[in-house]
Amino acid sequence: MARATQAIVKAVEFVLVLLLAGMVVMVFTNVVLRYGFNRGLNFSEEMSRYFFVWLTFVGAVLAFGEHGHIGVETVVRLFGKRGRLVCMLITNIVILICAIIFFHGTWLQHPINASSRAAVVGISLIWVYGIGYFTSVGIGLIAIVRIFRIVTGQMTEQEIAYFAGEIDDQTPAIANSTETVSKEDLK
């Protein structure tokens, strides 16, 4: 399972690299053509904006998977292990609810976006705004896995400490950790 997850993460990171490279190439080429030859690529501005939208939303999924979003640990640090796990559970339930609402909103907006066309390139705007499906499903799945791990006592001490803001870099700690929180620890 860990190998499959790592392969998916690497593939998504590669997509991010392609999107960023595409943006750089389009914008740089357009600048050179406009200032050097008094011409430009019509699609460059529009497509670089769409790439930026995709870059942002795909990056949000990766950031959530790596606990990279802003968190407020001030209150969480005051709690013991059980309180931290409860906060972690509540946080992930709220995130899951938000992901469901985001998916539903994308679903409701789908017919409008599918019937609208981009001004310059003429593609259906669902190719742009359909990223909401990927983002909501990606974040939702990560939240579900975290909820499952919390409920079944599979969260490591390092992950709990990271959630509380006691460790700055979680990657080595989680990768090397074997100690989990059992249901007896919560009592």
C-alpha atoms as a PDB file:
ATOM      1  CA  MET A   1       0.000   0.000   0.000  1.00  0.00           C
ATOM      2  CA  ALA A   2       2.826   2.391   0.859  1.00  0.00           C
ATOM      3  CA  ARG A   3       4.468   1.768  -2.522  1.00  0.00           C
ATOM      4  CA  ALA A   4       1.245   2.509  -4.376  1.00  0.00           C
ATOM      5  CA  THR A   5       0.774   5.696  -2.381  1.00  0.00           C
ATOM      6  CA  GLN A   6       4.350   6.787  -3.090  1.00  0.00           C
ATOM      7  CA  ALA A   7       3.887   6.070  -6.803  1.00  0.00           C
ATOM      8  CA  ILE A   8       0.714   8.158  -6.890  1.00  0.00           C
ATOM      9  CA  VAL A   9       2.425  11.015  -5.032  1.00  0.00           C
ATOM     10  CA  LYS A  10       5.384  10.913  -7.441  1.00  0.00           C
ATOM     11  CA  ALA A  11       3.014  10.948 -10.443  1.00  0.00           C
ATOM     12  CA  VAL A  12       1.121  13.933  -9.038  1.00  0.00           C
ATOM     13  CA  GLU A  13       4.403  15.730  -8.302  1.00  0.00           C
ATOM     14  CA  PHE A  14       5.438  15.086 -11.913  1.00  0.00           C
ATOM     15  CA  VAL A  15       2.165  16.634 -13.105  1.00  0.00           C
ATOM     16  CA  LEU A  16       2.941  19.688 -10.959  1.00  0.00           C
ATOM     17  CA  VAL A  17       6.382  19.956 -12.557  1.00  0.00           C
ATOM     18  CA  LEU A  18       4.833  19.752 -16.030  1.00  0.00           C
ATOM     19  CA  LEU A  19       2.255  22.413 -15.183  1.00  0.00           C
ATOM     20  CA  LEU A  20       4.874  24.763 -13.772  1.00  0.00           C
ATOM     21  CA  ALA A  21       7.223  24.167 -16.710  1.00  0.00           C
ATOM     22  CA  GLY A  22       4.352  24.752 -19.137  1.00  0.00           C
ATOM     23  CA  MET A  23       3.516  28.046 -17.444  1.00  0.00           C
ATOM     24  CA  VAL A  24       7.133  29.205 -17.536  1.00  0.00           C
ATOM     25  CA  VAL A  25       7.609  28.257 -21.188  1.00  0.00           C
ATOM     26  CA  MET A  26       4.353  29.897 -22.311  1.00  0.00           C
ATOM     27  CA  VAL A  27       4.890  33.133 -20.394  1.00  0.00           C
ATOM     28  CA  PHE A  28       8.592  33.412 -21.290  1.00  0.00           C
ATOM     29  CA  THR A  29       7.913  32.715 -24.970  1.00  0.00           C
ATOM     30  CA  ASN A  30       5.103  35.241 -24.994  1.00  0.00           C
ATOM     31  CA  VAL A  31       7.294  37.928 -23.394  1.00  0.00           C
ATOM     32  CA  VAL A  32      10.110  37.324 -25.894  1.00  0.00           C
ATOM     33  CA  LEU A  33       7.703  37.392 -28.842  1.00  0.00           C
ATOM     34  CA  ARG A  34       5.931  40.549 -27.664  1.00  0.00           C
ATOM     35  CA  TYR A  35       9.029  42.582 -26.879  1.00  0.00           C
ATOM     36  CA  GLY A  36      11.312  41.145 -29.534  1.00  0.00           C
ATOM     37  CA  PHE A  37       8.975  40.678 -32.473  1.00  0.00           C
ATOM     38  CA  ASN A  38       5.879  42.710 -31.540  1.00  0.00           C
ATOM     39  CA  ARG A  39       3.777  39.551 -31.693  1.00  0.00           C
ATOM     40  CA  GLY A  40       2.483  37.140 -29.101  1.00  0.00           C
ATOM     41  CA  LEU A  41       0.831  33.804 -28.604  1.00  0.00           C
ATOM     42  CA  ASN A  42      -2.902  34.296 -28.222  1.00  0.00           C
ATOM     43  CA  PHE A  43      -3.406  31.202 -26.095  1.00  0.00           C
ATOM     44  CA  SER A  44      -0.446  31.787 -23.772  1.00  0.00           C
ATOM     45  CA  GLU A  45      -2.116  34.070 -21.242  1.00  0.00           C
ATOM     46  CA  GLU A  46      -5.280  31.998 -21.010  1.00  0.00           C
ATOM     47  CA  MET A  47      -3.575  28.617 -20.783  1.00  0.00           C
ATOM     48  CA  SER A  48      -1.022  29.811 -18.229  1.00  0.00           C
ATOM     49  CA  ARG A  49      -3.923  30.978 -16.034  1.00  0.00           C
ATOM     50  CA  TYR A  50      -5.595  27.578 -16.377  1.00  0.00           C
ATOM     51  CA  PHE A  51      -2.319  25.828 -15.600  1.00  0.00           C
ATOM     52  CA  PHE A  52      -2.010  27.999 -12.491  1.00  0.00           C
ATOM     53  CA  VAL A  53      -5.500  26.960 -11.348  1.00  0.00           C
ATOM     54  CA  TRP A  54      -4.565  23.304 -11.780  1.00  0.00           C
ATOM     55  CA  LEU A  55      -1.195  23.831 -10.115  1.00  0.00           C
ATOM     56  CA  THR A  56      -2.875  25.399  -7.089  1.00  0.00           C
ATOM     57  CA  PHE A  57      -5.552  22.756  -6.630  1.00  0.00           C
ATOM     58  CA  VAL A  58      -3.298  19.762  -7.297  1.00  0.00           C
ATOM     59  CA  GLY A  59      -0.714  21.270  -4.959  1.00  0.00           C
ATOM     60  CA  ALA A  60      -3.387  21.655  -2.271  1.00  0.00           C
ATOM     61  CA  VAL A  61      -3.936  17.887  -2.272  1.00  0.00           C
ATOM     62  CA  LEU A  62      -0.215  17.208  -1.918  1.00  0.00           C
ATOM     63  CA  ALA A  63       0.131  19.832   0.806  1.00  0.00           C
ATOM     64  CA  PHE A  64      -2.756  18.292   2.740  1.00  0.00           C
ATOM     65  CA  GLY A  65      -1.213  14.850   2.400  1.00  0.00           C
ATOM     66  CA  GLU A  66       2.047  16.164   3.884  1.00  0.00           C
ATOM     67  CA  HIS A  67       0.317  18.178   6.635  1.00  0.00           C
ATOM     68  CA  GLY A  68       1.540  21.307   4.869  1.00  0.00           C
ATOM     69  CA  HIS A  69      -1.435  23.563   5.483  1.00  0.00           C
ATOM     70  CA  ILE A  70      -1.544  26.150   8.218  1.00  0.00           C
ATOM     71  CA  GLY A  71      -2.583  24.796  11.585  1.00  0.00           C
ATOM     72  CA  VAL A  72      -3.252  26.421  14.927  1.00  0.00           C
ATOM     73  CA  GLU A  73      -1.413  24.359  17.498  1.00  0.00           C
ATOM     74  CA  THR A  74      -1.660  26.773  20.425  1.00  0.00           C
ATOM     75  CA  VAL A  75      -4.760  25.140  21.898  1.00  0.00           C
ATOM     76  CA  VAL A  76      -3.847  21.603  20.828  1.00  0.00           C
ATOM     77  CA  ARG A  77      -0.555  21.754  22.763  1.00  0.00           C
ATOM     78  CA  LEU A  78      -2.499  22.226  25.990  1.00  0.00           C
ATOM     79  CA  PHE A  79      -4.124  18.793  25.683  1.00  0.00           C
ATOM     80  CA  GLY A  80      -2.765  15.381  26.496  1.00  0.00           C
ATOM     81  CA  LYS A  81      -2.634  12.506  24.037  1.00  0.00           C
ATOM     82  CA  ARG A  82      -6.361  11.796  24.147  1.00  0.00           C
ATOM     83  CA  GLY A  83      -7.323  15.466  23.677  1.00  0.00           C
ATOM     84  CA  ARG A  84      -4.932  15.781  20.757  1.00  0.00           C
ATOM     85  CA  LEU A  85      -6.426  12.714  19.103  1.00  0.00           C
ATOM     86  CA  VAL A  86      -9.934  14.113  19.597  1.00  0.00           C
ATOM     87  CA  CYS A  87      -8.833  17.416  18.031  1.00  0.00           C
ATOM     88  CA  MET A  88      -7.200  15.517  15.178  1.00  0.00           C
ATOM     89  CA  LEU A  89     -10.382  13.511  14.648  1.00  0.00           C
ATOM     90  CA  ILE A  90     -12.628  16.595  14.694  1.00  0.00           C
ATOM     91  CA  THR A  91     -10.287  18.406  12.300  1.00  0.00           C
ATOM     92  CA  ASN A  92     -10.328  15.572   9.785  1.00  0.00           C
ATOM     93  CA  ILE A  93     -14.109  15.158  10.032  1.00  0.00           C
ATOM     94  CA  VAL A  94     -14.565  18.879   9.302  1.00  0.00           C
ATOM     95  CA  ILE A  95     -12.116  18.621   6.389  1.00  0.00           C
ATOM     96  CA  LEU A  96     -14.010  15.600   5.040  1.00  0.00           C
ATOM     97  CA  ILE A  97     -17.297  17.522   5.245  1.00  0.00           C
ATOM     98  CA  CYS A  98     -15.705  20.450   3.391  1.00  0.00           C
ATOM     99  CA  ALA A  99     -14.384  18.083   0.707  1.00  0.00           C
ATOM    100  CA  ILE A 100     -17.879  16.615   0.267  1.00  0.00           C
ATOM    101  CA  ILE A 101     -19.382  20.105  -0.042  1.00  0.00           C
ATOM    102  CA  PHE A 102     -16.666  21.064  -2.546  1.00  0.00           C
ATOM    103  CA  PHE A 103     -17.364  17.937  -4.617  1.00  0.00           C
ATOM    104  CA  HIS A 104     -21.098  18.638  -4.519  1.00  0.00           C
ATOM    105  CA  GLY A 105     -20.536  22.246  -5.623  1.00  0.00           C
ATOM    106  CA  THR A 106     -18.340  21.112  -8.501  1.00  0.00           C
ATOM    107  CA  TRP A 107     -21.019  18.584  -9.448  1.00  0.00           C
ATOM    108  CA  LEU A 108     -23.744  21.252  -9.438  1.00  0.00           C
ATOM    109  CA  GLN A 109     -21.579  23.620 -11.485  1.00  0.00           C
ATOM    110  CA  HIS A 110     -20.562  20.876 -13.948  1.00  0.00           C
ATOM    111  CA  PRO A 111     -23.330  21.438 -16.555  1.00  0.00           C
ATOM    112  CA  ILE A 112     -22.624  25.168 -16.698  1.00  0.00           C
ATOM    113  CA  ASN A 113     -18.860  24.689 -16.995  1.00  0.00           C
ATOM    114  CA  ALA A 114     -19.243  21.896 -19.545  1.00  0.00           C
ATOM    115  CA  SER A 115     -21.374  24.089 -21.799  1.00  0.00           C
ATOM    116  CA  SER A 116     -19.133  27.170 -21.506  1.00  0.00           C
ATOM    117  CA  ARG A 117     -16.087  27.618 -23.720  1.00  0.00           C
ATOM    118  CA  ALA A 118     -12.796  29.377 -23.085  1.00  0.00           C
ATOM    119  CA  ALA A 119     -12.563  32.671 -24.964  1.00  0.00           C
ATOM    120  CA  VAL A 120      -9.313  32.064 -26.846  1.00  0.00           C
ATOM    121  CA  VAL A 121      -8.561  28.338 -26.954  1.00  0.00           C
ATOM    122  CA  GLY A 122     -12.197  27.253 -27.078  1.00  0.00           C
ATOM    123  CA  ILE A 123     -11.916  24.285 -24.719  1.00  0.00           C
ATOM    124  CA  SER A 124     -14.793  23.395 -22.452  1.00  0.00           C
ATOM    125  CA  LEU A 125     -14.341  25.113 -19.096  1.00  0.00           C
ATOM    126  CA  ILE A 126     -14.997  21.828 -17.316  1.00  0.00           C
ATOM    127  CA  TRP A 127     -11.360  21.034 -18.177  1.00  0.00           C
ATOM    128  CA  VAL A 128     -10.417  23.991 -16.012  1.00  0.00           C
ATOM    129  CA  TYR A 129     -12.925  23.883 -13.178  1.00  0.00           C
ATOM    130  CA  GLY A 130     -13.301  20.112 -13.139  1.00  0.00           C
ATOM    131  CA  ILE A 131     -10.140  20.097 -11.021  1.00  0.00           C
ATOM    132  CA  GLY A 132     -12.571  20.434  -8.130  1.00  0.00           C
ATOM    133  CA  TYR A 133     -13.358  16.736  -8.549  1.00  0.00           C
ATOM    134  CA  PHE A 134      -9.702  15.747  -8.189  1.00  0.00           C
ATOM    135  CA  THR A 135      -9.101  18.066  -5.252  1.00  0.00           C
ATOM    136  CA  SER A 136     -12.204  17.115  -3.291  1.00  0.00           C
ATOM    137  CA  VAL A 137     -11.728  13.383  -3.843  1.00  0.00           C
ATOM    138  CA  GLY A 138      -7.996  13.555  -3.062  1.00  0.00           C
ATOM    139  CA  ILE A 139      -8.408  15.538   0.143  1.00  0.00           C
ATOM    140  CA  GLY A 140     -11.478  13.488   1.099  1.00  0.00           C
ATOM    141  CA  LEU A 141      -9.618  10.188   0.721  1.00  0.00           C
ATOM    142  CA  ILE A 142      -6.680  11.443   2.768  1.00  0.00           C
ATOM    143  CA  ALA A 143      -9.079  12.625   5.498  1.00  0.00           C
ATOM    144  CA  ILE A 144     -10.890   9.254   5.485  1.00  0.00           C
ATOM    145  CA  VAL A 145      -7.598   7.380   5.882  1.00  0.00           C
ATOM    146  CA  ARG A 146      -6.594   9.664   8.753  1.00  0.00           C
ATOM    147  CA  ILE A 147      -9.974   9.242  10.459  1.00  0.00           C
ATOM    148  CA  PHE A 148      -9.659   5.467  10.123  1.00  0.00           C
ATOM    149  CA  ARG A 149      -6.126   5.535  11.561  1.00  0.00           C
ATOM    150  CA  ILE A 150      -7.245   7.673  14.504  1.00  0.00           C
ATOM    151  CA  VAL A 151     -10.276   5.509  15.296  1.00  0.00           C
ATOM    152  CA  THR A 152      -8.309   2.252  15.031  1.00  0.00           C
ATOM    153  CA  GLY A 153      -5.398   3.543  17.135  1.00  0.00           C
ATOM    154  CA  GLN A 154      -2.814   3.500  14.344  1.00  0.00           C
ATOM    155  CA  MET A 155      -1.567   7.082  14.807  1.00  0.00           C
ATOM    156  CA  THR A 156       2.065   7.222  15.896  1.00  0.00           C
ATOM    157  CA  GLU A 157       3.372   9.327  18.749  1.00  0.00           C
ATOM    158  CA  GLN A 158       5.357  11.372  16.237  1.00  0.00           C
ATOM    159  CA  GLU A 159       2.266  12.142  14.147  1.00  0.00           C
ATOM    160  CA  ILE A 160       0.398  13.289  17.240  1.00  0.00           C
ATOM    161  CA  ALA A 161       3.350  15.450  18.301  1.00  0.00           C
ATOM    162  CA  TYR A 162       3.565  16.906  14.787  1.00  0.00           C
ATOM    163  CA  PHE A 163      -0.158  17.711  14.843  1.00  0.00           C
ATOM    164  CA  ALA A 164       0.379  19.529  18.149  1.00  0.00           C
ATOM    165  CA  GLY A 165       3.262  21.509  16.654  1.00  0.00           C
ATOM    166  CA  GLU A 166       5.944  19.920  18.803  1.00  0.00           C
ATOM    167  CA  ILE A 167       7.996  18.677  15.845  1.00  0.00           C
ATOM    168  CA  ASP A 168       8.848  20.840  12.847  1.00  0.00           C
ATOM    169  CA  ASP A 169       9.618  18.154  10.280  1.00  0.00           C
ATOM    170  CA  GLN A 170       7.438  15.078  10.370  1.00  0.00           C
ATOM    171  CA  THR A 171       8.826  13.113   7.425  1.00  0.00           C
ATOM    172  CA  PRO A 172      11.754  11.315   9.107  1.00  0.00           C
ATOM    173  CA  ALA A 173       9.848  10.816  12.354  1.00  0.00           C
ATOM    174  CA  ILE A 174       6.842   9.209  10.702  1.00  0.00           C
ATOM    175  CA  ALA A 175       8.889   7.164   8.269  1.00  0.00           C
ATOM    176  CA  ASN A 176      10.965   5.642  11.078  1.00  0.00           C
ATOM    177  CA  SER A 177       8.177   5.319  13.617  1.00  0.00           C
ATOM    178  CA  THR A 178       6.720   2.015  14.695  1.00  0.00           C
ATOM    179  CA  GLU A 179       5.108   3.079  17.961  1.00  0.00           C
ATOM    180  CA  THR A 180       1.352   3.493  17.636  1.00  0.00           C
ATOM    181  CA  VAL A 181      -1.291   4.674  20.021  1.00  0.00           C
ATOM    182  CA  SER A 182      -3.437   1.854  21.331  1.00  0.00           C
ATOM    183  CA  LYS A 183      -6.909   2.154  22.781  1.00  0.00           C
ATOM    184  CA  GLU A 184      -5.426   1.450  26.216  1.00  0.00           C
ATOM    185  CA  ASP A 185      -3.266   4.591  25.902  1.00  0.00           C
ATOM    186  CA  LEU A 186      -6.411   6.668  25.565  1.00  0.00           C
ATOM    187  CA  LYS A 187      -7.794   5.549  28.920  1.00  0.00           C
END
